[in-house]
N, C-alpha and C. Protein backbone atom coordinates (compact mmCIF):
# COMPACT_ATOMS: atom_id res chain seq x y z
N MET A 1 -135.02 158.75 -74.41
CA MET A 1 -134.81 157.46 -73.78
C MET A 1 -135.21 156.27 -74.72
N HIS A 2 -136.36 156.44 -75.41
CA HIS A 2 -136.68 155.41 -76.34
C HIS A 2 -135.77 155.20 -77.39
N ALA A 3 -135.15 156.34 -77.93
CA ALA A 3 -134.14 156.21 -79.03
C ALA A 3 -132.87 155.46 -78.57
N THR A 4 -132.45 155.68 -77.39
CA THR A 4 -131.29 155.03 -76.82
C THR A 4 -131.56 153.54 -76.74
N GLU A 5 -132.71 153.13 -76.19
CA GLU A 5 -133.04 151.78 -76.13
C GLU A 5 -133.07 151.05 -77.57
N GLN A 6 -133.67 151.85 -78.44
CA GLN A 6 -133.81 151.37 -79.76
C GLN A 6 -132.38 151.18 -80.50
N SER A 7 -131.46 152.12 -80.25
CA SER A 7 -130.17 151.95 -80.84
C SER A 7 -129.35 150.87 -80.15
N ALA A 8 -129.59 150.68 -78.87
CA ALA A 8 -128.88 149.57 -78.18
C ALA A 8 -129.46 148.28 -78.71
N PHE A 9 -130.75 148.19 -78.89
CA PHE A 9 -131.28 146.88 -79.42
C PHE A 9 -130.78 146.73 -80.83
N LEU A 10 -130.68 147.67 -81.65
CA LEU A 10 -130.19 147.47 -83.07
C LEU A 10 -128.68 147.09 -83.00
N ASP A 11 -128.01 147.63 -82.11
CA ASP A 11 -126.53 147.13 -81.94
C ASP A 11 -126.41 145.76 -81.52
N GLU A 12 -127.31 145.25 -80.63
CA GLU A 12 -127.25 143.88 -80.26
C GLU A 12 -127.62 142.99 -81.42
N ILE A 13 -128.58 143.43 -82.17
CA ILE A 13 -128.95 142.65 -83.43
C ILE A 13 -127.74 142.55 -84.41
N ALA A 14 -127.13 143.68 -84.59
CA ALA A 14 -125.96 143.65 -85.60
C ALA A 14 -124.84 142.85 -85.03
N SER A 15 -124.62 142.90 -83.67
CA SER A 15 -123.52 142.19 -83.09
C SER A 15 -123.89 140.64 -83.19
N ALA A 16 -125.09 140.28 -83.01
CA ALA A 16 -125.49 138.85 -83.07
C ALA A 16 -125.39 138.38 -84.45
N ARG A 17 -125.72 139.23 -85.48
CA ARG A 17 -125.63 138.80 -86.88
C ARG A 17 -124.21 138.62 -87.31
N ARG A 18 -123.28 139.48 -86.83
CA ARG A 18 -121.81 139.36 -87.10
C ARG A 18 -121.27 138.01 -86.48
N ARG A 19 -121.72 137.76 -85.28
CA ARG A 19 -121.17 136.49 -84.67
C ARG A 19 -121.76 135.30 -85.41
N ALA A 20 -122.92 135.36 -85.79
CA ALA A 20 -123.48 134.23 -86.61
C ALA A 20 -122.82 134.04 -87.91
N LEU A 21 -122.48 135.15 -88.58
CA LEU A 21 -121.77 135.05 -89.87
C LEU A 21 -120.39 134.57 -89.60
N ARG A 22 -119.64 134.98 -88.65
CA ARG A 22 -118.32 134.47 -88.36
C ARG A 22 -118.42 132.91 -88.02
N ARG A 23 -119.43 132.54 -87.31
CA ARG A 23 -119.60 131.09 -86.95
C ARG A 23 -119.85 130.37 -88.19
N ALA A 24 -120.69 130.72 -89.14
CA ALA A 24 -120.98 130.17 -90.39
C ALA A 24 -119.66 130.05 -91.27
N GLU A 25 -118.91 131.07 -91.28
CA GLU A 25 -117.71 131.12 -92.09
C GLU A 25 -116.66 130.06 -91.47
N ARG A 26 -116.57 130.01 -90.19
CA ARG A 26 -115.68 129.04 -89.61
C ARG A 26 -116.18 127.56 -89.92
N PHE A 27 -117.39 127.38 -89.82
CA PHE A 27 -117.98 126.04 -90.19
C PHE A 27 -117.71 125.65 -91.62
N ASP A 28 -117.90 126.62 -92.53
CA ASP A 28 -117.61 126.44 -93.92
C ASP A 28 -116.13 126.11 -94.15
N ILE A 29 -115.27 126.76 -93.44
CA ILE A 29 -113.84 126.53 -93.65
C ILE A 29 -113.46 125.13 -93.13
N VAL A 30 -114.07 124.75 -91.95
CA VAL A 30 -113.82 123.34 -91.51
C VAL A 30 -114.31 122.30 -92.41
N VAL A 31 -115.49 122.53 -92.96
CA VAL A 31 -116.01 121.59 -93.92
C VAL A 31 -115.12 121.50 -95.11
N ALA A 32 -114.82 122.64 -95.72
CA ALA A 32 -114.01 122.67 -96.87
C ALA A 32 -112.62 122.03 -96.71
N CYS A 33 -112.02 122.28 -95.49
CA CYS A 33 -110.70 121.64 -95.22
C CYS A 33 -110.87 120.11 -95.07
N THR A 34 -111.95 119.73 -94.39
CA THR A 34 -112.11 118.24 -94.21
C THR A 34 -112.38 117.57 -95.59
N LEU A 35 -113.12 118.24 -96.46
CA LEU A 35 -113.32 117.58 -97.78
C LEU A 35 -112.03 117.54 -98.62
N ALA A 36 -111.26 118.60 -98.49
CA ALA A 36 -109.96 118.68 -99.24
C ALA A 36 -109.11 117.60 -98.71
N MET A 37 -109.01 117.35 -97.45
CA MET A 37 -108.16 116.37 -96.86
C MET A 37 -108.63 114.96 -97.31
N PHE A 38 -110.02 114.72 -97.37
CA PHE A 38 -110.50 113.42 -97.89
C PHE A 38 -110.08 113.20 -99.35
N LEU A 39 -110.11 114.36 -100.16
CA LEU A 39 -109.83 114.28 -101.56
C LEU A 39 -108.43 113.92 -101.73
N ILE A 40 -107.53 114.64 -100.96
CA ILE A 40 -106.08 114.40 -101.18
C ILE A 40 -105.75 112.97 -100.66
N PHE A 41 -106.33 112.57 -99.53
CA PHE A 41 -106.09 111.24 -99.00
C PHE A 41 -106.49 110.12 -99.99
N GLY A 42 -107.76 110.38 -100.49
CA GLY A 42 -108.25 109.45 -101.51
C GLY A 42 -107.38 109.32 -102.73
N TRP A 43 -106.83 110.42 -103.22
CA TRP A 43 -106.00 110.41 -104.40
C TRP A 43 -104.70 109.68 -103.98
N ALA A 44 -104.13 109.87 -102.80
CA ALA A 44 -102.91 109.24 -102.43
C ALA A 44 -103.14 107.65 -102.30
N VAL A 45 -104.30 107.33 -101.84
CA VAL A 45 -104.55 105.88 -101.64
C VAL A 45 -104.64 105.27 -103.00
N ARG A 46 -105.29 105.87 -103.92
CA ARG A 46 -105.39 105.30 -105.30
C ARG A 46 -104.07 105.34 -106.05
N PHE A 47 -103.35 106.43 -105.76
CA PHE A 47 -102.00 106.54 -106.42
C PHE A 47 -101.06 105.44 -105.90
N ALA A 48 -101.05 105.14 -104.61
CA ALA A 48 -100.25 104.08 -104.02
C ALA A 48 -101.18 103.13 -103.29
N PRO A 49 -101.53 102.01 -103.95
CA PRO A 49 -102.39 101.05 -103.27
C PRO A 49 -101.90 100.57 -101.91
N VAL A 50 -102.73 100.17 -101.10
CA VAL A 50 -102.47 99.66 -99.74
C VAL A 50 -101.43 98.63 -99.72
N GLU A 51 -101.39 97.64 -100.68
CA GLU A 51 -100.46 96.61 -100.76
C GLU A 51 -99.01 97.13 -100.85
N SER A 52 -98.84 98.31 -101.38
CA SER A 52 -97.43 98.85 -101.52
C SER A 52 -97.07 99.72 -100.43
N TRP A 53 -97.91 99.93 -99.45
CA TRP A 53 -97.56 100.66 -98.24
C TRP A 53 -96.69 99.78 -97.29
N PRO A 54 -95.73 100.46 -96.55
CA PRO A 54 -95.00 99.68 -95.59
C PRO A 54 -95.98 99.01 -94.59
N ARG A 55 -95.90 97.80 -94.35
CA ARG A 55 -96.78 97.04 -93.37
C ARG A 55 -98.18 96.96 -94.03
N GLY A 56 -98.28 97.06 -95.38
CA GLY A 56 -99.50 97.03 -96.06
C GLY A 56 -100.21 95.64 -95.90
N ASP A 57 -99.39 94.62 -95.73
CA ASP A 57 -100.00 93.29 -95.52
C ASP A 57 -100.78 93.24 -94.22
N PHE A 58 -100.44 94.07 -93.24
CA PHE A 58 -101.21 94.14 -92.07
C PHE A 58 -102.56 94.80 -92.24
N PHE A 59 -102.55 95.89 -93.08
CA PHE A 59 -103.79 96.63 -93.41
C PHE A 59 -104.71 95.69 -94.16
N VAL A 60 -104.23 95.00 -95.08
CA VAL A 60 -105.05 94.11 -95.94
C VAL A 60 -105.58 92.90 -95.06
N ALA A 61 -104.74 92.41 -94.12
CA ALA A 61 -105.19 91.34 -93.33
C ALA A 61 -106.14 91.74 -92.24
N SER A 62 -106.09 93.04 -91.87
CA SER A 62 -107.07 93.43 -90.81
C SER A 62 -108.44 93.56 -91.43
N ALA A 63 -108.49 93.85 -92.69
CA ALA A 63 -109.82 93.97 -93.34
C ALA A 63 -110.42 92.58 -93.69
N ASN A 64 -109.54 91.55 -93.61
CA ASN A 64 -110.00 90.17 -93.92
C ASN A 64 -110.18 89.39 -92.63
N ARG A 65 -111.27 88.76 -92.40
CA ARG A 65 -111.40 87.98 -91.16
C ARG A 65 -111.10 86.51 -91.49
N HIS A 66 -110.13 85.93 -90.78
CA HIS A 66 -109.72 84.63 -91.17
C HIS A 66 -110.35 83.65 -90.14
N ALA A 67 -111.73 83.59 -90.25
CA ALA A 67 -112.40 82.63 -89.35
C ALA A 67 -112.64 81.31 -89.90
């Protein structure tokens, strides 16, 4: 009886560890994709300044307050 309870407890621990590892892997992937997107977007913005974007005058004006 004790051996069965012990093996069930160890199975629960192993299952919890696998779930935690999967959760950590998913979090790492989300962080990596977000950083890659920021890197690519930052490169695109430097490559083509806001002034050359269509309606770029709107973006520049929205950052400037004409008070």
